[in-house]
């Protein structure tokens, strides 16, 4: 059985937690930050959990994470 290749784009975006769930970074933090409130930008720093419907696809892309 050959090794499975990791999707390198997904490996940079997702991390597996100790409990097995997958965390991701928040969007809307790259540009046009002046009109966003400090509170909103601060809350976007924290990682979010991947939606349940996307978990199976992400697990296939990062099999060894």
PDB file of N, CA and C in Angstrom:
ATOM      1  N   UNK A   1       0.845  -1.187   0.000  1.00  0.00           N
ATOM      2  CA  UNK A   1       0.000   0.000   0.000  1.00  0.00           C
ATOM      3  C   UNK A   1       0.887   1.245   0.000  1.00  0.00           C
ATOM      4  N   UNK A   2       0.809   2.084  -1.027  1.00  0.00           N
ATOM      5  CA  UNK A   2       1.663   3.274  -1.065  1.00  0.00           C
ATOM      6  C   UNK A   2       1.211   4.339  -0.073  1.00  0.00           C
ATOM      7  N   UNK A   3       2.138   5.224   0.217  1.00  0.00           N
ATOM      8  CA  UNK A   3       1.806   6.346   1.098  1.00  0.00           C
ATOM      9  C   UNK A   3       0.836   7.284   0.391  1.00  0.00           C
ATOM     10  N   UNK A   4       0.043   7.985   1.177  1.00  0.00           N
ATOM     11  CA  UNK A   4      -0.893   8.975   0.633  1.00  0.00           C
ATOM     12  C   UNK A   4      -0.213  10.332   0.674  1.00  0.00           C
ATOM     13  N   UNK A   5      -0.317  11.070  -0.422  1.00  0.00           N
ATOM     14  CA  UNK A   5       0.265  12.412  -0.434  1.00  0.00           C
ATOM     15  C   UNK A   5      -0.635  13.374   0.328  1.00  0.00           C
ATOM     16  N   UNK A   6      -0.007  14.220   1.126  1.00  0.00           N
ATOM     17  CA  UNK A   6      -0.718  15.272   1.844  1.00  0.00           C
ATOM     18  C   UNK A   6      -0.956  16.437   0.894  1.00  0.00           C
ATOM     19  N   UNK A   7      -2.136  16.996   0.927  1.00  0.00           N
ATOM     20  CA  UNK A   7      -2.415  18.222   0.171  1.00  0.00           C
ATOM     21  C   UNK A   7      -1.706  19.362   0.898  1.00  0.00           C
ATOM     22  N   UNK A   8      -0.676  19.912   0.276  1.00  0.00           N
ATOM     23  CA  UNK A   8       0.172  20.901   0.961  1.00  0.00           C
ATOM     24  C   UNK A   8      -0.575  22.193   1.275  1.00  0.00           C
ATOM     25  N   UNK A   9      -1.521  22.576   0.425  1.00  0.00           N
ATOM     26  CA  UNK A   9      -2.316  23.767   0.705  1.00  0.00           C
ATOM     27  C   UNK A   9      -3.160  23.581   1.948  1.00  0.00           C
ATOM     28  N   UNK A  10      -3.745  22.393   2.093  1.00  0.00           N
ATOM     29  CA  UNK A  10      -4.575  22.091   3.263  1.00  0.00           C
ATOM     30  C   UNK A  10      -3.726  21.978   4.517  1.00  0.00           C
ATOM     31  N   UNK A  11      -2.514  21.443   4.387  1.00  0.00           N
ATOM     32  CA  UNK A  11      -1.632  21.275   5.545  1.00  0.00           C
ATOM     33  C   UNK A  11      -1.262  22.622   6.157  1.00  0.00           C
ATOM     34  N   UNK A  12      -1.192  23.654   5.309  1.00  0.00           N
ATOM     35  CA  UNK A  12      -0.858  24.987   5.804  1.00  0.00           C
ATOM     36  C   UNK A  12      -2.064  25.684   6.427  1.00  0.00           C
ATOM     37  N   UNK A  13      -3.262  25.243   6.083  1.00  0.00           N
ATOM     38  CA  UNK A  13      -4.473  25.908   6.561  1.00  0.00           C
ATOM     39  C   UNK A  13      -5.096  25.256   7.782  1.00  0.00           C
ATOM     40  N   UNK A  14      -4.964  23.944   7.907  1.00  0.00           N
ATOM     41  CA  UNK A  14      -5.641  23.204   8.975  1.00  0.00           C
ATOM     42  C   UNK A  14      -4.648  22.549   9.917  1.00  0.00           C
ATOM     43  N   UNK A  15      -5.038  22.451  11.194  1.00  0.00           N
ATOM     44  CA  UNK A  15      -4.254  21.720  12.198  1.00  0.00           C
ATOM     45  C   UNK A  15      -5.210  20.808  12.952  1.00  0.00           C
ATOM     46  N   UNK A  16      -4.738  19.624  13.285  1.00  0.00           N
ATOM     47  CA  UNK A  16      -5.564  18.700  14.042  1.00  0.00           C
ATOM     48  C   UNK A  16      -5.318  18.928  15.531  1.00  0.00           C
ATOM     49  N   UNK A  17      -6.372  18.995  16.334  1.00  0.00           N
ATOM     50  CA  UNK A  17      -6.231  19.195  17.780  1.00  0.00           C
ATOM     51  C   UNK A  17      -6.026  17.841  18.452  1.00  0.00           C
ATOM     52  N   UNK A  18      -5.699  17.873  19.727  1.00  0.00           N
ATOM     53  CA  UNK A  18      -5.466  16.645  20.479  1.00  0.00           C
ATOM     54  C   UNK A  18      -6.716  15.773  20.535  1.00  0.00           C
ATOM     55  N   UNK A  19      -7.885  16.405  20.539  1.00  0.00           N
ATOM     56  CA  UNK A  19      -9.138  15.641  20.602  1.00  0.00           C
ATOM     57  C   UNK A  19      -9.548  15.091  19.237  1.00  0.00           C
ATOM     58  N   UNK A  20      -8.833  15.500  18.176  1.00  0.00           N
ATOM     59  CA  UNK A  20      -9.126  14.971  16.855  1.00  0.00           C
ATOM     60  C   UNK A  20      -9.918  15.904  15.963  1.00  0.00           C
ATOM     61  N   UNK A  21     -10.436  17.004  16.524  1.00  0.00           N
ATOM     62  CA  UNK A  21     -11.163  17.956  15.681  1.00  0.00           C
ATOM     63  C   UNK A  21     -10.146  18.787  14.897  1.00  0.00           C
ATOM     64  N   UNK A  22     -10.603  19.497  13.900  1.00  0.00           N
ATOM     65  CA  UNK A  22      -9.705  20.259  13.035  1.00  0.00           C
ATOM     66  C   UNK A  22      -9.979  21.746  13.209  1.00  0.00           C
ATOM     67  N   UNK A  23      -8.906  22.505  13.440  1.00  0.00           N
ATOM     68  CA  UNK A  23      -9.070  23.948  13.601  1.00  0.00           C
ATOM     69  C   UNK A  23      -8.541  24.672  12.374  1.00  0.00           C
ATOM     70  N   UNK A  24      -9.069  25.856  12.152  1.00  0.00           N
ATOM     71  CA  UNK A  24      -8.718  26.667  10.994  1.00  0.00           C
ATOM     72  C   UNK A  24      -8.608  28.118  11.424  1.00  0.00           C
ATOM     73  N   UNK A  25      -7.923  28.905  10.624  1.00  0.00           N
ATOM     74  CA  UNK A  25      -7.829  30.334  10.885  1.00  0.00           C
ATOM     75  C   UNK A  25      -9.079  31.043  10.401  1.00  0.00           C
ATOM     76  N   UNK A  26      -9.333  32.216  10.945  1.00  0.00           N
ATOM     77  CA  UNK A  26     -10.497  32.999  10.537  1.00  0.00           C
ATOM     78  C   UNK A  26     -10.180  33.783   9.264  1.00  0.00           C
ATOM     79  N   UNK A  27     -11.198  34.051   8.487  1.00  0.00           N
ATOM     80  CA  UNK A  27     -11.021  34.875   7.285  1.00  0.00           C
ATOM     81  C   UNK A  27     -11.266  36.353   7.632  1.00  0.00           C
ATOM     82  N   UNK A  28     -11.133  37.221   6.651  1.00  0.00           N
ATOM     83  CA  UNK A  28     -11.369  38.674   6.758  1.00  0.00           C
ATOM     84  C   UNK A  28     -10.325  39.402   7.603  1.00  0.00           C
ATOM     85  N   UNK A  29      -9.094  38.892   7.627  1.00  0.00           N
ATOM     86  CA  UNK A  29      -8.052  39.555   8.402  1.00  0.00           C
ATOM     87  C   UNK A  29      -6.887  40.033   7.533  1.00  0.00           C
ATOM     88  N   UNK A  30      -7.018  39.985   6.211  1.00  0.00           N
ATOM     89  CA  UNK A  30      -5.884  40.266   5.327  1.00  0.00           C
ATOM     90  C   UNK A  30      -5.762  41.744   4.950  1.00  0.00           C
ATOM     91  N   UNK A  31      -6.848  42.371   4.578  1.00  0.00           N
ATOM     92  CA  UNK A  31      -6.772  43.758   4.104  1.00  0.00           C
ATOM     93  C   UNK A  31      -8.093  44.461   4.401  1.00  0.00           C
ATOM     94  N   UNK A  32      -8.142  45.750   4.108  1.00  0.00           N
ATOM     95  CA  UNK A  32      -9.288  46.626   4.427  1.00  0.00           C
ATOM     96  C   UNK A  32      -9.613  46.519   5.929  1.00  0.00           C
ATOM     97  N   UNK A  33      -8.588  46.724   6.749  1.00  0.00           N
ATOM     98  CA  UNK A  33      -8.756  46.561   8.191  1.00  0.00           C
ATOM     99  C   UNK A  33      -9.177  47.848   8.887  1.00  0.00           C
ATOM    100  N   UNK A  34      -9.092  48.977   8.200  1.00  0.00           N
ATOM    101  CA  UNK A  34      -9.379  50.256   8.851  1.00  0.00           C
ATOM    102  C   UNK A  34     -10.851  50.402   9.207  1.00  0.00           C
ATOM    103  N   UNK A  35     -11.728  49.855   8.384  1.00  0.00           N
ATOM    104  CA  UNK A  35     -13.165  49.994   8.667  1.00  0.00           C
ATOM    105  C   UNK A  35     -13.686  48.950   9.649  1.00  0.00           C
ATOM    106  N   UNK A  36     -12.862  47.953   9.964  1.00  0.00           N
ATOM    107  CA  UNK A  36     -13.280  46.922  10.918  1.00  0.00           C
ATOM    108  C   UNK A  36     -12.901  47.363  12.324  1.00  0.00           C
ATOM    109  N   UNK A  37     -13.784  47.102  13.262  1.00  0.00           N
ATOM    110  CA  UNK A  37     -13.550  47.545  14.631  1.00  0.00           C
ATOM    111  C   UNK A  37     -12.432  46.726  15.278  1.00  0.00           C
ATOM    112  N   UNK A  38     -11.821  47.298  16.305  1.00  0.00           N
ATOM    113  CA  UNK A  38     -10.750  46.615  17.032  1.00  0.00           C
ATOM    114  C   UNK A  38     -11.261  45.321  17.637  1.00  0.00           C
ATOM    115  N   UNK A  39     -12.471  45.356  18.157  1.00  0.00           N
ATOM    116  CA  UNK A  39     -13.067  44.158  18.758  1.00  0.00           C
ATOM    117  C   UNK A  39     -13.206  43.045  17.720  1.00  0.00           C
ATOM    118  N   UNK A  40     -13.690  43.415  16.545  1.00  0.00           N
ATOM    119  CA  UNK A  40     -13.891  42.427  15.477  1.00  0.00           C
ATOM    120  C   UNK A  40     -12.565  41.807  15.041  1.00  0.00           C
ATOM    121  N   UNK A  41     -11.531  42.656  14.884  1.00  0.00           N
ATOM    122  CA  UNK A  41     -10.217  42.169  14.474  1.00  0.00           C
ATOM    123  C   UNK A  41      -9.597  41.272  15.547  1.00  0.00           C
ATOM    124  N   UNK A  42      -9.788  41.624  16.794  1.00  0.00           N
ATOM    125  CA  UNK A  42      -9.255  40.828  17.892  1.00  0.00           C
ATOM    126  C   UNK A  42      -9.912  39.451  17.938  1.00  0.00           C
ATOM    127  N   UNK A  43     -11.222  39.411  17.742  1.00  0.00           N
ATOM    128  CA  UNK A  43     -11.945  38.139  17.779  1.00  0.00           C
ATOM    129  C   UNK A  43     -11.604  37.256  16.581  1.00  0.00           C
ATOM    130  N   UNK A  44     -11.209  37.860  15.486  1.00  0.00           N
ATOM    131  CA  UNK A  44     -10.830  37.088  14.303  1.00  0.00           C
ATOM    132  C   UNK A  44      -9.460  36.424  14.442  1.00  0.00           C
ATOM    133  N   UNK A  45      -8.677  36.847  15.448  1.00  0.00           N
ATOM    134  CA  UNK A  45      -7.367  36.239  15.669  1.00  0.00           C
ATOM    135  C   UNK A  45      -7.482  34.787  16.121  1.00  0.00           C
ATOM    136  N   UNK A  46      -8.487  34.491  16.928  1.00  0.00           N
ATOM    137  CA  UNK A  46      -8.599  33.156  17.516  1.00  0.00           C
ATOM    138  C   UNK A  46      -9.021  32.137  16.464  1.00  0.00           C
ATOM    139  N   UNK A  47      -8.470  30.922  16.515  1.00  0.00           N
ATOM    140  CA  UNK A  47      -8.845  29.909  15.536  1.00  0.00           C
ATOM    141  C   UNK A  47     -10.270  29.416  15.750  1.00  0.00           C
ATOM    142  N   UNK A  48     -10.876  28.952  14.671  1.00  0.00           N
ATOM    143  CA  UNK A  48     -12.237  28.414  14.732  1.00  0.00           C
ATOM    144  C   UNK A  48     -12.189  26.929  14.421  1.00  0.00           C
ATOM    145  N   UNK A  49     -13.234  26.212  14.803  1.00  0.00           N
ATOM    146  CA  UNK A  49     -13.324  24.786  14.506  1.00  0.00           C
ATOM    147  C   UNK A  49     -13.954  24.626  13.128  1.00  0.00           C
ATOM    148  N   UNK A  50     -13.481  23.653  12.395  1.00  0.00           N
ATOM    149  CA  UNK A  50     -13.997  23.397  11.057  1.00  0.00           C
ATOM    150  C   UNK A  50     -15.437  22.886  11.142  1.00  0.00           C
ATOM    151  N   UNK A  51     -16.269  23.298  10.190  1.00  0.00           N
ATOM    152  CA  UNK A  51     -17.669  22.860  10.156  1.00  0.00           C
ATOM    153  C   UNK A  51     -17.736  21.345   9.992  1.00  0.00           C
ATOM    154  N   UNK A  52     -18.755  20.750  10.598  1.00  0.00           N
ATOM    155  CA  UNK A  52     -18.889  19.291  10.607  1.00  0.00           C
ATOM    156  C   UNK A  52     -18.943  18.713   9.196  1.00  0.00           C
ATOM    157  N   UNK A  53     -19.580  19.434   8.271  1.00  0.00           N
ATOM    158  CA  UNK A  53     -19.721  18.946   6.905  1.00  0.00           C
ATOM    159  C   UNK A  53     -18.395  18.946   6.142  1.00  0.00           C
ATOM    160  N   UNK A  54     -17.400  19.724   6.593  1.00  0.00           N
ATOM    161  CA  UNK A  54     -16.115  19.819   5.903  1.00  0.00           C
ATOM    162  C   UNK A  54     -15.033  18.922   6.494  1.00  0.00           C
ATOM    163  N   UNK A  55     -15.308  18.316   7.640  1.00  0.00           N
ATOM    164  CA  UNK A  55     -14.279  17.565   8.357  1.00  0.00           C
ATOM    165  C   UNK A  55     -13.786  16.360   7.559  1.00  0.00           C
ATOM    166  N   UNK A  56     -14.687  15.606   6.935  1.00  0.00           N
ATOM    167  CA  UNK A  56     -14.290  14.401   6.197  1.00  0.00           C
ATOM    168  C   UNK A  56     -13.345  14.747   5.056  1.00  0.00           C
ATOM    169  N   UNK A  57     -13.624  15.824   4.322  1.00  0.00           N
ATOM    170  CA  UNK A  57     -12.772  16.242   3.212  1.00  0.00           C
ATOM    171  C   UNK A  57     -11.402  16.679   3.717  1.00  0.00           C
ATOM    172  N   UNK A  58     -11.365  17.401   4.829  1.00  0.00           N
ATOM    173  CA  UNK A  58     -10.091  17.871   5.390  1.00  0.00           C
ATOM    174  C   UNK A  58      -9.263  16.708   5.901  1.00  0.00           C
ATOM    175  N   UNK A  59      -9.903  15.711   6.494  1.00  0.00           N
ATOM    176  CA  UNK A  59      -9.157  14.537   6.990  1.00  0.00           C
ATOM    177  C   UNK A  59      -8.505  13.771   5.847  1.00  0.00           C
ATOM    178  N   UNK A  60      -9.198  13.698   4.702  1.00  0.00           N
ATOM    179  CA  UNK A  60      -8.603  13.029   3.538  1.00  0.00           C
ATOM    180  C   UNK A  60      -7.393  13.798   3.014  1.00  0.00           C
ATOM    181  N   UNK A  61      -7.466  15.127   3.108  1.00  0.00           N
ATOM    182  CA  UNK A  61      -6.366  15.952   2.583  1.00  0.00           C
ATOM    183  C   UNK A  61      -5.142  15.961   3.491  1.00  0.00           C
ATOM    184  N   UNK A  62      -5.350  15.801   4.819  1.00  0.00           N
ATOM    185  CA  UNK A  62      -4.208  15.787   5.755  1.00  0.00           C
ATOM    186  C   UNK A  62      -4.222  14.469   6.532  1.00  0.00           C
ATOM    187  N   UNK A  63      -3.874  13.359   5.877  1.00  0.00           N
ATOM    188  CA  UNK A  63      -3.984  12.050   6.527  1.00  0.00           C
ATOM    189  C   UNK A  63      -3.014  11.830   7.690  1.00  0.00           C
ATOM    190  N   UNK A  64      -1.852  12.487   7.682  1.00  0.00           N
ATOM    191  CA  UNK A  64      -0.847  12.217   8.717  1.00  0.00           C
ATOM    192  C   UNK A  64      -0.728  13.326   9.746  1.00  0.00           C
ATOM    193  N   UNK A  65      -1.574  14.326   9.682  1.00  0.00           N
ATOM    194  CA  UNK A  65      -1.497  15.452  10.638  1.00  0.00           C
ATOM    195  C   UNK A  65      -1.995  15.017  12.006  1.00  0.00           C
TER     196      UNK A  65
END
